[in-house]
PDB file of N, CA and C in Angstrom:
ATOM      1  N   MET A   1      37.566   7.052  -8.150  1.00  0.00           N
ATOM      2  CA  MET A   1      36.767   6.344  -9.280  1.00  0.00           C
ATOM      3  C   MET A   1      35.699   7.457  -9.675  1.00  0.00           C
ATOM      4  N   PRO A   2      35.629   7.641 -10.957  1.00  0.00           N
ATOM      5  CA  PRO A   2      34.902   8.624 -11.569  1.00  0.00           C
ATOM      6  C   PRO A   2      33.319   8.333 -11.260  1.00  0.00           C
ATOM      7  N   LEU A   3      32.424   9.307 -11.317  1.00  0.00           N
ATOM      8  CA  LEU A   3      31.099   9.304 -11.136  1.00  0.00           C
ATOM      9  C   LEU A   3      30.454   8.437 -12.148  1.00  0.00           C
ATOM     10  N   ALA A   4      30.852   8.320 -13.391  1.00  0.00           N
ATOM     11  CA  ALA A   4      30.307   7.570 -14.526  1.00  0.00           C
ATOM     12  C   ALA A   4      30.491   6.146 -14.216  1.00  0.00           C
ATOM     13  N   GLU A   5      31.680   5.738 -13.707  1.00  0.00           N
ATOM     14  CA  GLU A   5      31.895   4.364 -13.454  1.00  0.00           C
ATOM     15  C   GLU A   5      31.205   3.886 -12.176  1.00  0.00           C
ATOM     16  N   LEU A   6      31.007   4.775 -11.263  1.00  0.00           N
ATOM     17  CA  LEU A   6      30.093   4.344 -10.000  1.00  0.00           C
ATOM     18  C   LEU A   6      28.633   4.216 -10.586  1.00  0.00           C
ATOM     19  N   THR A   7      28.211   5.070 -11.396  1.00  0.00           N
ATOM     20  CA  THR A   7      26.783   4.970 -11.829  1.00  0.00           C
ATOM     21  C   THR A   7      26.715   3.637 -12.669  1.00  0.00           C
ATOM     22  N   ALA A   8      27.578   3.312 -13.477  1.00  0.00           N
ATOM     23  CA  ALA A   8      27.423   2.078 -14.179  1.00  0.00           C
ATOM     24  C   ALA A   8      27.574   0.905 -13.190  1.00  0.00           C
ATOM     25  N   LEU A   9      28.347   0.929 -12.293  1.00  0.00           N
ATOM     26  CA  LEU A   9      28.441  -0.295 -11.356  1.00  0.00           C
ATOM     27  C   LEU A   9      26.935  -0.340 -10.541  1.00  0.00           C
ATOM     28  N   ALA A  10      26.648   0.857 -10.092  1.00  0.00           N
ATOM     29  CA  ALA A  10      25.182   0.674  -9.464  1.00  0.00           C
ATOM     30  C   ALA A  10      24.160   0.142 -10.438  1.00  0.00           C
ATOM     31  N   GLN A  11      24.170   0.577 -11.582  1.00  0.00           N
ATOM     32  CA  GLN A  11      23.268   0.078 -12.575  1.00  0.00           C
ATOM     33  C   GLN A  11      23.348  -1.500 -12.640  1.00  0.00           C
ATOM     34  N   GLN A  12      24.611  -1.927 -12.766  1.00  0.00           N
ATOM     35  CA  GLN A  12      24.793  -3.356 -12.956  1.00  0.00           C
ATOM     36  C   GLN A  12      24.388  -4.065 -11.673  1.00  0.00           C
ATOM     37  N   ALA A  13      24.717  -3.442 -10.526  1.00  0.00           N
ATOM     38  CA  ALA A  13      24.226  -4.113  -9.227  1.00  0.00           C
ATOM     39  C   ALA A  13      22.691  -4.222  -9.249  1.00  0.00           C
ATOM     40  N   LEU A  14      21.988  -3.232  -9.648  1.00  0.00           N
ATOM     41  CA  LEU A  14      20.420  -3.329  -9.658  1.00  0.00           C
ATOM     42  C   LEU A  14      20.104  -4.423 -10.615  1.00  0.00           C
ATOM     43  N   LEU A  15      20.657  -4.515 -11.902  1.00  0.00           N
ATOM     44  CA  LEU A  15      20.148  -5.509 -12.677  1.00  0.00           C
ATOM     45  C   LEU A  15      20.684  -6.811 -12.349  1.00  0.00           C
ATOM     46  N   LEU A  16      21.775  -7.030 -11.617  1.00  0.00           N
ATOM     47  CA  LEU A  16      22.107  -8.324 -11.128  1.00  0.00           C
ATOM     48  C   LEU A  16      21.197  -8.720  -9.983  1.00  0.00           C
ATOM     49  N   SER A  17      20.738  -7.868  -9.204  1.00  0.00           N
ATOM     50  CA  SER A  17      19.685  -8.255  -8.084  1.00  0.00           C
ATOM     51  C   SER A  17      18.478  -8.620  -8.663  1.00  0.00           C
ATOM     52  N   LEU A  18      18.110  -7.948  -9.787  1.00  0.00           N
ATOM     53  CA  LEU A  18      16.846  -8.514 -10.390  1.00  0.00           C
ATOM     54  C   LEU A  18      17.054  -9.791 -11.025  1.00  0.00           C
ATOM     55  N   LEU A  19      18.031  -9.915 -11.685  1.00  0.00           N
ATOM     56  CA  LEU A  19      18.288 -11.304 -12.403  1.00  0.00           C
ATOM     57  C   LEU A  19      18.576 -12.451 -11.400  1.00  0.00           C
ATOM     58  N   VAL A  20      19.118 -12.212 -10.318  1.00  0.00           N
ATOM     59  CA  VAL A  20      19.456 -13.390  -9.246  1.00  0.00           C
ATOM     60  C   VAL A  20      18.134 -13.502  -8.478  1.00  0.00           C
ATOM     61  N   SER A  21      17.254 -12.610  -8.221  1.00  0.00           N
ATOM     62  CA  SER A  21      16.046 -12.896  -7.579  1.00  0.00           C
ATOM     63  C   SER A  21      14.894 -13.417  -8.466  1.00  0.00           C
ATOM     64  N   LEU A  22      14.878 -13.246  -9.741  1.00  0.00           N
ATOM     65  CA  LEU A  22      13.923 -13.587 -10.624  1.00  0.00           C
ATOM     66  C   LEU A  22      13.509 -15.113 -10.465  1.00  0.00           C
ATOM     67  N   PRO A  23      14.379 -16.054 -10.636  1.00  0.00           N
ATOM     68  CA  PRO A  23      13.931 -17.448 -10.602  1.00  0.00           C
ATOM     69  C   PRO A  23      13.134 -17.914  -9.410  1.00  0.00           C
ATOM     70  N   VAL A  24      13.581 -17.264  -8.136  1.00  0.00           N
ATOM     71  CA  VAL A  24      12.859 -17.705  -6.888  1.00  0.00           C
ATOM     72  C   VAL A  24      11.531 -16.936  -6.890  1.00  0.00           C
ATOM     73  N   LEU A  25      11.351 -15.752  -7.519  1.00  0.00           N
ATOM     74  CA  LEU A  25      10.133 -15.062  -7.365  1.00  0.00           C
ATOM     75  C   LEU A  25       9.346 -15.652  -8.468  1.00  0.00           C
ATOM     76  N   ILE A  26       9.637 -16.251  -9.589  1.00  0.00           N
ATOM     77  CA  ILE A  26       8.797 -16.917 -10.458  1.00  0.00           C
ATOM     78  C   ILE A  26       8.253 -18.222  -9.948  1.00  0.00           C
ATOM     79  N   VAL A  27       9.024 -18.848  -9.242  1.00  0.00           N
ATOM     80  CA  VAL A  27       8.633 -20.226  -8.334  1.00  0.00           C
ATOM     81  C   VAL A  27       7.569 -19.883  -7.363  1.00  0.00           C
ATOM     82  N   ALA A  28       7.836 -18.739  -6.608  1.00  0.00           N
ATOM     83  CA  ALA A  28       6.801 -18.298  -5.659  1.00  0.00           C
ATOM     84  C   ALA A  28       5.604 -18.000  -6.291  1.00  0.00           C
ATOM     85  N   ALA A  29       5.600 -17.182  -7.261  1.00  0.00           N
ATOM     86  CA  ALA A  29       4.357 -16.699  -7.977  1.00  0.00           C
ATOM     87  C   ALA A  29       3.605 -17.858  -8.477  1.00  0.00           C
ATOM     88  N   ALA A  30       4.449 -18.843  -9.161  1.00  0.00           N
ATOM     89  CA  ALA A  30       3.612 -19.987  -9.876  1.00  0.00           C
ATOM     90  C   ALA A  30       2.854 -20.956  -8.872  1.00  0.00           C
ATOM     91  N   VAL A  31       3.813 -21.135  -7.599  1.00  0.00           N
ATOM     92  CA  VAL A  31       3.048 -21.959  -6.744  1.00  0.00           C
ATOM     93  C   VAL A  31       1.896 -21.031  -6.050  1.00  0.00           C
ATOM     94  N   GLY A  32       2.105 -19.946  -5.853  1.00  0.00           N
ATOM     95  CA  GLY A  32       1.031 -19.000  -5.259  1.00  0.00           C
ATOM     96  C   GLY A  32      -0.300 -19.079  -6.275  1.00  0.00           C
ATOM     97  N   LEU A  33      -0.043 -19.003  -7.577  1.00  0.00           N
ATOM     98  CA  LEU A  33      -1.226 -19.064  -8.336  1.00  0.00           C
ATOM     99  C   LEU A  33      -1.802 -20.474  -8.362  1.00  0.00           C
ATOM    100  N   LEU A  34      -1.007 -21.453  -8.370  1.00  0.00           N
ATOM    101  CA  LEU A  34      -1.698 -22.772  -8.460  1.00  0.00           C
ATOM    102  C   LEU A  34      -2.315 -23.090  -7.095  1.00  0.00           C
ATOM    103  N   SER A  35      -1.814 -22.701  -5.949  1.00  0.00           N
ATOM    104  CA  SER A  35      -2.524 -22.901  -4.793  1.00  0.00           C
ATOM    105  C   SER A  35      -3.858 -22.100  -4.574  1.00  0.00           C
ATOM    106  N   ALA A  36      -3.793 -20.869  -5.205  1.00  0.00           N
ATOM    107  CA  ALA A  36      -5.199 -20.083  -5.433  1.00  0.00           C
ATOM    108  C   ALA A  36      -6.064 -20.664  -6.268  1.00  0.00           C
ATOM    109  N   ILE A  37      -5.715 -21.254  -7.487  1.00  0.00           N
ATOM    110  CA  ILE A  37      -6.649 -21.896  -8.117  1.00  0.00           C
ATOM    111  C   ILE A  37      -7.194 -23.156  -7.429  1.00  0.00           C
ATOM    112  N   PHE A  38      -6.300 -23.879  -6.782  1.00  0.00           N
ATOM    113  CA  PHE A  38      -6.791 -25.157  -6.108  1.00  0.00           C
ATOM    114  C   PHE A  38      -7.810 -24.635  -4.995  1.00  0.00           C
ATOM    115  N   GLN A  39      -7.518 -23.630  -4.273  1.00  0.00           N
ATOM    116  CA  GLN A  39      -8.405 -23.087  -3.242  1.00  0.00           C
ATOM    117  C   GLN A  39      -9.706 -22.649  -3.854  1.00  0.00           C
ATOM    118  N   ALA A  40      -9.637 -22.157  -4.964  1.00  0.00           N
ATOM    119  CA  ALA A  40     -10.935 -21.637  -5.782  1.00  0.00           C
ATOM    120  C   ALA A  40     -11.733 -22.643  -6.207  1.00  0.00           C
ATOM    121  N   ALA A  41     -11.008 -23.682  -6.581  1.00  0.00           N
ATOM    122  CA  ALA A  41     -11.814 -24.944  -7.105  1.00  0.00           C
ATOM    123  C   ALA A  41     -12.451 -25.665  -6.039  1.00  0.00           C
ATOM    124  N   THR A  42     -11.756 -25.907  -4.907  1.00  0.00           N
ATOM    125  CA  THR A  42     -12.201 -26.657  -3.928  1.00  0.00           C
ATOM    126  C   THR A  42     -13.018 -25.977  -2.713  1.00  0.00           C
ATOM    127  N   GLN A  43     -12.927 -24.595  -2.758  1.00  0.00           N
ATOM    128  CA  GLN A  43     -13.465 -23.650  -1.682  1.00  0.00           C
ATOM    129  C   GLN A  43     -12.921 -23.993  -0.412  1.00  0.00           C
ATOM    130  N   VAL A  44     -11.682 -24.512  -0.264  1.00  0.00           N
ATOM    131  CA  VAL A  44     -11.021 -24.539   0.966  1.00  0.00           C
ATOM    132  C   VAL A  44     -10.248 -23.261   1.254  1.00  0.00           C
ATOM    133  N   GLN A  45     -10.517 -22.560   2.236  1.00  0.00           N
ATOM    134  CA  GLN A  45      -9.783 -21.306   2.506  1.00  0.00           C
ATOM    135  C   GLN A  45      -8.969 -21.443   3.793  1.00  0.00           C
ATOM    136  N   ASP A  46      -7.936 -22.253   3.710  1.00  0.00           N
ATOM    137  CA  ASP A  46      -7.022 -22.379   4.855  1.00  0.00           C
ATOM    138  C   ASP A  46      -5.800 -21.689   4.567  1.00  0.00           C
ATOM    139  N   ALA A  47      -5.177 -20.841   5.432  1.00  0.00           N
ATOM    140  CA  ALA A  47      -3.896 -20.158   5.241  1.00  0.00           C
ATOM    141  C   ALA A  47      -2.759 -21.033   5.039  1.00  0.00           C
ATOM    142  N   ALA A  48      -2.743 -22.207   5.776  1.00  0.00           N
ATOM    143  CA  ALA A  48      -1.663 -23.103   5.609  1.00  0.00           C
ATOM    144  C   ALA A  48      -1.394 -23.713   4.148  1.00  0.00           C
ATOM    145  N   LEU A  49      -2.588 -23.763   3.477  1.00  0.00           N
ATOM    146  CA  LEU A  49      -2.524 -24.295   2.103  1.00  0.00           C
ATOM    147  C   LEU A  49      -1.786 -23.228   1.191  1.00  0.00           C
ATOM    148  N   THR A  50      -1.756 -22.026   1.498  1.00  0.00           N
ATOM    149  CA  THR A  50      -0.915 -21.227   0.823  1.00  0.00           C
ATOM    150  C   THR A  50       0.610 -21.075   1.185  1.00  0.00           C
ATOM    151  N   HIS A  51       0.795 -20.881   2.509  1.00  0.00           N
ATOM    152  CA  HIS A  51       1.980 -20.872   3.034  1.00  0.00           C
ATOM    153  C   HIS A  51       2.937 -21.971   2.862  1.00  0.00           C
ATOM    154  N   LEU A  52       2.477 -23.099   3.272  1.00  0.00           N
ATOM    155  CA  LEU A  52       3.359 -24.380   3.209  1.00  0.00           C
ATOM    156  C   LEU A  52       3.981 -24.761   1.890  1.00  0.00           C
ATOM    157  N   PRO A  53       3.247 -24.881   0.799  1.00  0.00           N
ATOM    158  CA  PRO A  53       3.648 -25.206  -0.477  1.00  0.00           C
ATOM    159  C   PRO A  53       4.701 -24.155  -1.009  1.00  0.00           C
ATOM    160  N   LYS A  54       4.317 -22.990  -0.838  1.00  0.00           N
ATOM    161  CA  LYS A  54       5.191 -21.909  -1.286  1.00  0.00           C
ATOM    162  C   LYS A  54       6.573 -21.793  -0.474  1.00  0.00           C
ATOM    163  N   PHE A  55       6.517 -22.159   0.787  1.00  0.00           N
ATOM    164  CA  PHE A  55       7.728 -22.247   1.590  1.00  0.00           C
ATOM    165  C   PHE A  55       8.736 -23.397   1.168  1.00  0.00           C
ATOM    166  N   VAL A  56       8.098 -24.583   0.982  1.00  0.00           N
ATOM    167  CA  VAL A  56       8.811 -25.674   0.366  1.00  0.00           C
ATOM    168  C   VAL A  56       9.305 -25.394  -0.931  1.00  0.00           C
ATOM    169  N   ALA A  57       8.579 -24.933  -1.860  1.00  0.00           N
ATOM    170  CA  ALA A  57       8.936 -24.602  -3.328  1.00  0.00           C
ATOM    171  C   ALA A  57      10.004 -23.593  -3.510  1.00  0.00           C
ATOM    172  N   VAL A  58       9.868 -22.449  -2.476  1.00  0.00           N
ATOM    173  CA  VAL A  58      10.920 -21.418  -2.600  1.00  0.00           C
ATOM    174  C   VAL A  58      12.316 -22.054  -1.919  1.00  0.00           C
ATOM    175  N   SER A  59      12.093 -22.953  -0.874  1.00  0.00           N
ATOM    176  CA  SER A  59      13.377 -23.575  -0.238  1.00  0.00           C
ATOM    177  C   SER A  59      14.154 -24.393  -1.297  1.00  0.00           C
ATOM    178  N   VAL A  60      13.212 -25.277  -2.042  1.00  0.00           N
ATOM    179  CA  VAL A  60      13.867 -26.122  -3.132  1.00  0.00           C
ATOM    180  C   VAL A  60      14.428 -25.244  -4.401  1.00  0.00           C
ATOM    181  N   ALA A  61      13.879 -24.188  -4.575  1.00  0.00           N
ATOM    182  CA  ALA A  61      14.419 -23.281  -5.605  1.00  0.00           C
ATOM    183  C   ALA A  61      15.763 -22.568  -5.269  1.00  0.00           C
ATOM    184  N   LEU A  62      15.727 -22.171  -4.016  1.00  0.00           N
ATOM    185  CA  LEU A  62      16.987 -21.642  -3.537  1.00  0.00           C
ATOM    186  C   LEU A  62      18.111 -22.681  -3.293  1.00  0.00           C
ATOM    187  N   ALA A  63      17.665 -23.872  -2.979  1.00  0.00           N
ATOM    188  CA  ALA A  63      18.749 -25.058  -2.894  1.00  0.00           C
ATOM    189  C   ALA A  63      19.305 -25.266  -4.259  1.00  0.00           C
ATOM    190  N   LEU A  64      18.428 -25.204  -5.328  1.00  0.00           N
ATOM    191  CA  LEU A  64      18.958 -25.551  -6.747  1.00  0.00           C
ATOM    192  C   LEU A  64      19.546 -24.368  -7.332  1.00  0.00           C
ATOM    193  N   VAL A  65      19.091 -23.223  -7.150  1.00  0.00           N
ATOM    194  CA  VAL A  65      19.568 -22.045  -7.848  1.00  0.00           C
ATOM    195  C   VAL A  65      20.674 -21.381  -6.993  1.00  0.00           C
ATOM    196  N   GLY A  66      20.766 -21.687  -5.739  1.00  0.00           N
ATOM    197  CA  GLY A  66      21.653 -20.987  -4.872  1.00  0.00           C
ATOM    198  C   GLY A  66      23.106 -20.850  -5.277  1.00  0.00           C
ATOM    199  N   PRO A  67      23.624 -21.919  -5.822  1.00  0.00           N
ATOM    200  CA  PRO A  67      25.179 -21.839  -6.222  1.00  0.00           C
ATOM    201  C   PRO A  67      25.289 -20.866  -7.236  1.00  0.00           C
ATOM    202  N   TRP A  68      24.366 -20.840  -8.171  1.00  0.00           N
ATOM    203  CA  TRP A  68      24.333 -20.067  -9.444  1.00  0.00           C
ATOM    204  C   TRP A  68      24.302 -18.600  -9.050  1.00  0.00           C
ATOM    205  N   MET A  69      23.399 -18.431  -8.050  1.00  0.00           N
ATOM    206  CA  MET A  69      23.243 -16.930  -7.421  1.00  0.00           C
ATOM    207  C   MET A  69      24.498 -16.473  -6.823  1.00  0.00           C
ATOM    208  N   GLY A  70      25.108 -17.407  -6.039  1.00  0.00           N
ATOM    209  CA  GLY A  70      26.360 -16.983  -5.370  1.00  0.00           C
ATOM    210  C   GLY A  70      27.521 -16.727  -6.361  1.00  0.00           C
ATOM    211  N   ARG A  71      27.672 -17.426  -7.472  1.00  0.00           N
ATOM    212  CA  ARG A  71      28.626 -17.224  -8.434  1.00  0.00           C
ATOM    213  C   ARG A  71      28.341 -15.895  -9.147  1.00  0.00           C
ATOM    214  N   GLN A  72      27.144 -15.606  -9.414  1.00  0.00           N
ATOM    215  CA  GLN A  72      26.870 -14.285 -10.250  1.00  0.00           C
ATOM    216  C   GLN A  72      27.320 -13.204  -9.248  1.00  0.00           C
ATOM    217  N   VAL A  73      26.889 -13.154  -8.003  1.00  0.00           N
ATOM    218  CA  VAL A  73      27.210 -12.078  -6.985  1.00  0.00           C
ATOM    219  C   VAL A  73      28.665 -11.994  -6.789  1.00  0.00           C
ATOM    220  N   LEU A  74      29.321 -13.214  -6.540  1.00  0.00           N
ATOM    221  CA  LEU A  74      30.892 -13.105  -6.488  1.00  0.00           C
ATOM    222  C   LEU A  74      31.539 -12.568  -7.654  1.00  0.00           C
ATOM    223  N   GLY A  75      31.165 -13.058  -8.850  1.00  0.00           N
ATOM    224  CA  GLY A  75      31.705 -12.353 -10.097  1.00  0.00           C
ATOM    225  C   GLY A  75      31.435 -10.934 -10.078  1.00  0.00           C
ATOM    226  N   PHE A  76      30.327 -10.410  -9.734  1.00  0.00           N
ATOM    227  CA  PHE A  76      30.242  -9.060  -9.725  1.00  0.00           C
ATOM    228  C   PHE A  76      31.108  -8.368  -8.816  1.00  0.00           C
ATOM    229  N   ALA A  77      31.113  -8.908  -7.538  1.00  0.00           N
ATOM    230  CA  ALA A  77      32.026  -8.370  -6.529  1.00  0.00           C
ATOM    231  C   ALA A  77      33.522  -8.237  -6.976  1.00  0.00           C
ATOM    232  N   VAL A  78      33.934  -9.392  -7.616  1.00  0.00           N
ATOM    233  CA  VAL A  78      35.306  -9.297  -8.038  1.00  0.00           C
ATOM    234  C   VAL A  78      35.506  -8.220  -9.201  1.00  0.00           C
ATOM    235  N   ARG A  79      34.616  -8.122 -10.052  1.00  0.00           N
ATOM    236  CA  ARG A  79      34.740  -6.961 -11.105  1.00  0.00           C
ATOM    237  C   ARG A  79      34.714  -5.685 -10.523  1.00  0.00           C
ATOM    238  N   ALA A  80      33.874  -5.409  -9.448  1.00  0.00           N
ATOM    239  CA  ALA A  80      33.661  -4.206  -8.777  1.00  0.00           C
ATOM    240  C   ALA A  80      34.788  -3.758  -7.972  1.00  0.00           C
ATOM    241  N   PHE A  81      35.439  -4.693  -7.190  1.00  0.00           N
ATOM    242  CA  PHE A  81      36.573  -4.413  -6.278  1.00  0.00           C
ATOM    243  C   PHE A  81      37.984  -4.433  -7.033  1.00  0.00           C
ATOM    244  N   VAL A  82      38.139  -5.305  -7.891  1.00  0.00           N
ATOM    245  CA  VAL A  82      39.402  -5.543  -8.508  1.00  0.00           C
ATOM    246  C   VAL A  82      39.564  -4.598  -9.570  1.00  0.00           C
ATOM    247  N   GLY A  83      38.567  -4.617 -10.377  1.00  0.00           N
ATOM    248  CA  GLY A  83      38.608  -3.535 -11.407  1.00  0.00           C
ATOM    249  C   GLY A  83      38.231  -4.287 -12.865  1.00  0.00           C
ATOM    250  N   HIS A  84      38.099  -3.524 -13.825  1.00  0.00           N
ATOM    251  CA  HIS A  84      37.602  -4.102 -15.021  1.00  0.00           C
ATOM    252  C   HIS A  84      38.786  -4.674 -15.881  1.00  0.00           C
TER     253      HIS A  84
END
């Protein structure tokens, strides 16, 4: 396999990893921001208030987006190993 093709595959893999992880990261960031706003408004500084909602939201996001993520990674693997 030529170096240019390997470089292109590596670039596609990095972009795919960013694309696949983005929905879950957005959900985690949004829930973290909302919990920080809630804590600032109520002045309740409990660590469980930040971790538990974020854990639940990320778990739900992974359950909903997981099949799409798997299809994207599988499609890339098929393109990479079988050929273009």
